Protein backbone atom coordinates (compact mmCIF):
# COMPACT_ATOMS: atom_id res chain seq x y z
CA MET A 1 164.61 -196.92 -23.77
CA LYS A 2 161.96 -194.60 -22.33
CA LYS A 3 162.41 -190.84 -22.45
CA LYS A 4 162.89 -189.36 -18.95
CA ILE A 5 160.51 -186.47 -18.32
CA LEU A 6 159.04 -184.23 -15.64
CA LEU A 7 155.38 -183.29 -15.44
CA ALA A 8 154.43 -179.70 -14.56
CA TRP A 9 152.04 -180.14 -11.65
CA SER A 10 149.38 -177.55 -10.80
CA SER A 11 147.58 -179.90 -8.35
CA GLY A 12 144.47 -179.70 -10.55
CA LYS A 13 142.53 -182.15 -12.68
CA ASP A 14 144.29 -181.39 -15.98
CA SER A 15 147.81 -182.10 -14.76
CA ALA A 16 146.46 -185.19 -12.96
CA TRP A 17 144.84 -186.39 -16.20
CA ALA A 18 148.04 -185.66 -18.14
CA LEU A 19 149.84 -188.01 -15.73
CA HIS A 20 147.28 -190.74 -16.41
CA VAL A 21 147.58 -190.30 -20.20
CA LEU A 22 151.40 -190.30 -20.12
CA ARG A 23 151.42 -193.54 -18.15
CA GLN A 24 149.01 -195.14 -20.61
CA GLN A 25 151.26 -194.16 -23.53
CA ASN A 26 154.11 -196.11 -21.90
CA GLN A 27 156.81 -194.13 -23.76
CA TYR A 28 158.09 -192.12 -20.84
CA GLU A 29 159.80 -192.52 -17.50
CA ILE A 30 158.16 -189.84 -15.35
CA ALA A 31 160.94 -188.69 -13.03
CA GLY A 32 158.82 -186.39 -10.90
CA LEU A 33 156.08 -183.81 -10.51
CA MET A 34 157.34 -180.24 -10.79
CA THR A 35 155.39 -177.51 -9.00
CA THR A 36 155.85 -173.86 -8.08
CA LEU A 37 154.93 -172.80 -4.55
CA ASN A 38 154.31 -169.28 -3.34
CA ALA A 39 157.10 -168.97 -0.75
CA ALA A 40 155.15 -166.49 1.39
CA PHE A 41 152.14 -168.80 1.86
CA ASP A 42 153.59 -172.25 1.01
CA ARG A 43 150.75 -172.82 -1.45
CA VAL A 44 150.38 -173.38 -5.20
CA ALA A 45 149.67 -170.08 -6.94
CA MET A 46 146.06 -169.62 -8.22
CA HIS A 47 144.99 -173.06 -6.96
CA SER A 48 146.05 -172.05 -3.43
CA THR A 49 146.72 -175.72 -2.61
CA ARG A 50 148.62 -176.32 0.62
CA ARG A 51 152.08 -177.89 0.35
CA ALA A 52 150.95 -180.83 2.52
CA LEU A 53 148.26 -181.71 -0.02
CA VAL A 54 150.60 -181.50 -3.01
CA GLU A 55 152.98 -183.80 -1.12
CA MET A 56 150.09 -186.22 -0.54
CA GLN A 57 149.27 -186.14 -4.26
CA ALA A 58 152.88 -186.97 -5.17
CA GLU A 59 152.91 -189.81 -2.65
CA ALA A 60 149.62 -191.19 -4.00
CA ALA A 61 151.06 -190.94 -7.53
CA GLY A 62 154.24 -192.73 -6.41
CA LEU A 63 156.45 -189.93 -7.70
CA PRO A 64 158.93 -187.44 -6.22
CA LEU A 65 157.79 -183.84 -5.88
CA ILE A 66 160.15 -181.17 -7.21
CA VAL A 67 159.33 -177.76 -5.73
CA ALA A 68 160.36 -174.42 -7.19
CA PRO A 69 159.66 -171.71 -4.57
CA ILE A 70 158.64 -168.34 -6.01
CA PRO A 71 158.42 -165.02 -4.12
CA TRP A 72 155.26 -163.02 -3.50
CA PRO A 73 154.57 -160.80 -5.30
CA CYS A 74 156.20 -162.62 -8.20
CA SER A 75 157.34 -160.94 -11.41
CA ASN A 76 157.74 -162.81 -14.71
CA ALA A 77 161.50 -162.54 -14.22
CA ASP A 78 161.24 -164.16 -10.75
CA TYR A 79 159.09 -166.97 -12.13
CA GLU A 80 161.40 -167.60 -15.06
CA ALA A 81 164.47 -167.64 -12.80
CA ALA A 82 162.83 -170.27 -10.56
CA MET A 83 161.91 -172.35 -13.60
CA LYS A 84 165.41 -172.05 -15.07
CA PHE A 85 166.90 -173.41 -11.85
CA VAL A 86 164.57 -176.44 -11.96
CA CYS A 87 165.23 -176.97 -15.68
CA ASP A 88 169.01 -176.87 -15.19
CA GLN A 89 168.77 -179.44 -12.39
CA ALA A 90 166.48 -181.66 -14.47
CA LEU A 91 168.82 -181.57 -17.45
CA ALA A 92 171.75 -182.54 -15.23
CA GLN A 93 169.75 -185.57 -14.06
CA GLY A 94 169.06 -186.84 -17.58
CA VAL A 95 165.58 -185.39 -18.04
CA SER A 96 164.91 -184.52 -21.68
CA ALA A 97 161.36 -183.09 -21.64
CA ILE A 98 158.71 -181.41 -19.50
CA ALA A 99 155.03 -182.23 -20.01
CA PHE A 100 152.20 -179.76 -19.42
CA GLY A 101 148.46 -180.26 -18.95
CA ASP A 102 147.41 -177.41 -21.24
CA LEU A 103 144.33 -178.00 -23.41
CA PHE A 104 143.86 -175.39 -26.12
CA LEU A 105 145.17 -171.90 -25.24
CA THR A 106 147.73 -171.27 -27.97
CA ASP A 107 149.28 -168.25 -26.20
CA VAL A 108 149.97 -170.35 -23.09
CA ARG A 109 151.47 -173.14 -25.20
CA ALA A 110 153.67 -170.64 -27.05
CA TYR A 111 154.86 -169.25 -23.70
CA ARG A 112 155.82 -172.74 -22.47
CA GLU A 113 157.67 -173.40 -25.71
CA ARG A 114 159.56 -170.10 -25.42
CA GLN A 115 160.43 -170.88 -21.80
CA LEU A 116 162.07 -174.16 -22.79
CA GLU A 117 163.57 -172.92 -26.06
CA ASP A 118 167.19 -172.66 -24.87
CA THR A 119 167.09 -175.15 -22.00
CA GLY A 120 167.69 -178.38 -23.93
CA LEU A 121 164.31 -179.64 -22.69
CA GLU A 122 161.45 -180.50 -25.04
CA PRO A 123 157.88 -179.35 -24.20
CA LEU A 124 155.21 -182.07 -24.34
CA PHE A 125 151.44 -181.52 -24.36
CA PRO A 126 149.84 -184.98 -23.89
CA ILE A 127 146.21 -183.82 -23.65
CA TRP A 128 146.37 -180.91 -26.08
CA GLY A 129 143.45 -180.45 -28.48
CA ILE A 130 141.04 -182.96 -26.94
CA PRO A 131 137.56 -181.34 -27.13
CA THR A 132 136.94 -180.23 -23.56
CA GLN A 133 133.33 -181.44 -23.31
CA GLU A 134 134.54 -184.91 -24.28
CA LEU A 135 137.56 -184.62 -22.01
CA ALA A 136 135.51 -183.59 -18.98
CA GLN A 137 133.15 -186.55 -19.44
CA THR A 138 136.09 -188.95 -19.93
CA MET A 139 137.79 -187.74 -16.75
CA ILE A 140 134.63 -188.15 -14.69
CA SER A 141 133.83 -191.58 -16.19
CA ALA A 142 137.36 -192.76 -15.34
CA GLY A 143 136.87 -191.85 -11.69
CA LEU A 144 138.85 -188.62 -11.49
CA ARG A 145 137.72 -186.68 -8.45
CA ALA A 146 138.47 -182.98 -8.07
CA LYS A 147 137.14 -180.03 -6.12
CA LEU A 148 136.82 -176.46 -7.37
CA VAL A 149 139.21 -174.44 -5.22
CA CYS A 150 139.34 -171.16 -7.17
CA VAL A 151 136.55 -169.46 -9.11
CA ASP A 152 136.61 -166.29 -11.19
CA PRO A 153 133.28 -164.61 -10.29
CA LYS A 154 133.51 -162.46 -13.43
CA GLN A 155 132.96 -165.68 -15.43
CA ILE A 156 130.90 -167.99 -13.20
CA SER A 157 128.97 -167.59 -9.95
CA SER A 158 130.91 -167.76 -6.69
CA THR A 159 128.42 -170.46 -5.62
CA PHE A 160 130.49 -172.94 -7.65
CA ILE A 161 133.41 -172.64 -5.21
CA GLY A 162 134.00 -175.83 -3.24
CA ARG A 163 131.87 -178.00 -5.54
CA ASP A 164 133.05 -181.28 -6.98
CA PHE A 165 133.99 -181.57 -10.64
CA ASP A 166 131.23 -183.99 -11.64
CA ARG A 167 128.36 -184.36 -14.09
CA ALA A 168 126.05 -182.22 -11.96
CA LEU A 169 128.61 -179.41 -12.15
CA LEU A 170 128.88 -179.73 -15.93
CA ARG A 171 125.09 -179.50 -16.24
CA ASP A 172 125.01 -176.37 -14.08
CA LEU A 173 127.79 -174.44 -15.83
CA PRO A 174 126.44 -171.47 -17.83
CA ALA A 175 126.53 -171.58 -21.63
CA GLY A 176 129.86 -170.39 -22.97
CA VAL A 177 131.84 -171.57 -19.94
CA ASP A 178 134.51 -174.11 -20.82
CA PRO A 179 133.67 -177.45 -19.13
CA CYS A 180 137.31 -177.84 -18.08
CA GLY A 181 137.69 -174.20 -16.99
CA GLU A 182 140.51 -173.69 -19.48
CA ASN A 183 139.73 -169.97 -19.85
CA GLY A 184 140.39 -169.45 -16.14
CA GLU A 185 136.77 -169.83 -15.06
CA PHE A 186 137.86 -172.18 -12.28
CA HIS A 187 140.81 -174.15 -10.92
CA SER A 188 140.62 -177.47 -9.12
CA PHE A 189 142.36 -179.81 -6.70
CA ALA A 190 142.49 -183.47 -7.79
CA TYR A 191 142.04 -185.88 -4.89
CA GLY A 192 141.21 -189.18 -6.56
CA GLY A 193 141.40 -191.07 -9.81
CA PRO A 194 143.34 -193.64 -11.83
CA MET A 195 146.59 -191.65 -11.58
CA PHE A 196 146.66 -192.18 -7.79
CA ASN A 197 147.05 -195.37 -5.79
CA ARG A 198 144.52 -194.13 -3.24
CA GLU A 199 142.06 -191.30 -2.71
CA ILE A 200 143.38 -188.35 -0.71
CA PRO A 201 141.10 -187.70 2.29
CA ILE A 202 140.17 -184.01 2.33
CA VAL A 203 137.71 -181.62 3.93
CA THR A 204 136.73 -178.18 2.69
CA GLY A 205 137.42 -175.22 4.91
CA GLU A 206 136.97 -171.47 4.67
CA LYS A 207 135.70 -169.80 1.48
CA VAL A 208 137.12 -166.32 0.94
CA GLU A 209 137.22 -163.62 -1.71
CA ARG A 210 140.73 -162.37 -2.43
CA ASP A 211 142.19 -160.31 -5.28
CA GLY A 212 138.98 -160.62 -7.30
CA PHE A 213 138.73 -164.42 -7.02
CA TRP A 214 136.91 -166.80 -4.68
CA PHE A 215 139.02 -169.48 -3.00
CA CYS A 216 138.02 -172.56 -1.03
CA ASP A 217 140.61 -173.82 1.42
CA VAL A 218 141.07 -177.59 1.25
CA LEU A 219 142.73 -179.43 4.12
CA PRO A 220 143.92 -182.99 4.69
CA ALA A 221 141.15 -184.68 6.68
CA ALA A 222 143.62 -185.74 9.39
CA ILE A 223 144.64 -182.13 10.07
CA ALA A 224 141.03 -180.96 10.22
CA VAL A 225 140.14 -183.63 12.79
CA SER A 226 143.18 -183.10 15.03
């Protein structure tokens, strides 16, 4: 019998790849994608992905979307309360673990583990420890398509905002920048790949600087045309 799990869903390439890897392992029943949305803007925090696009991702993945709204501004206590509510609901529905797309940051992993410590849910890290240069090339070779939607200009140039995560991008990244952006250099929106049953049609919109970061708005193509 397969273990019933949720996957923490950021809308980016790493959580999308974690979904692909979990399905290949064939040990788990993935009961849904769990995401936190900024209640003030109806967008994923840091990635700034619109709710409509996250819903389109879930539909293309053939999975239910489980949304935990968080306030803005959001304290750690607010975030943890929202997560506890989702965890309690998941446990009641027979879920036994939550998977995360973290790659190598041990402090982030330790935080996830502490979060789940008393919930009865096990943390899973299906893509943990894969060398990120290798991982980036594997993702791109497998057809994963993602767009850079948030860039930290203290780490890489703001000219990277809105670019696709592809081999040309990897070649252009400065030395010392993680090819998967795991140190917060960039965040992405995944719009195609083997984890989806179809590519999500998108267009890029406004590029703005906010709170020390550059963001590129991404819209469903249908909305942009209408």
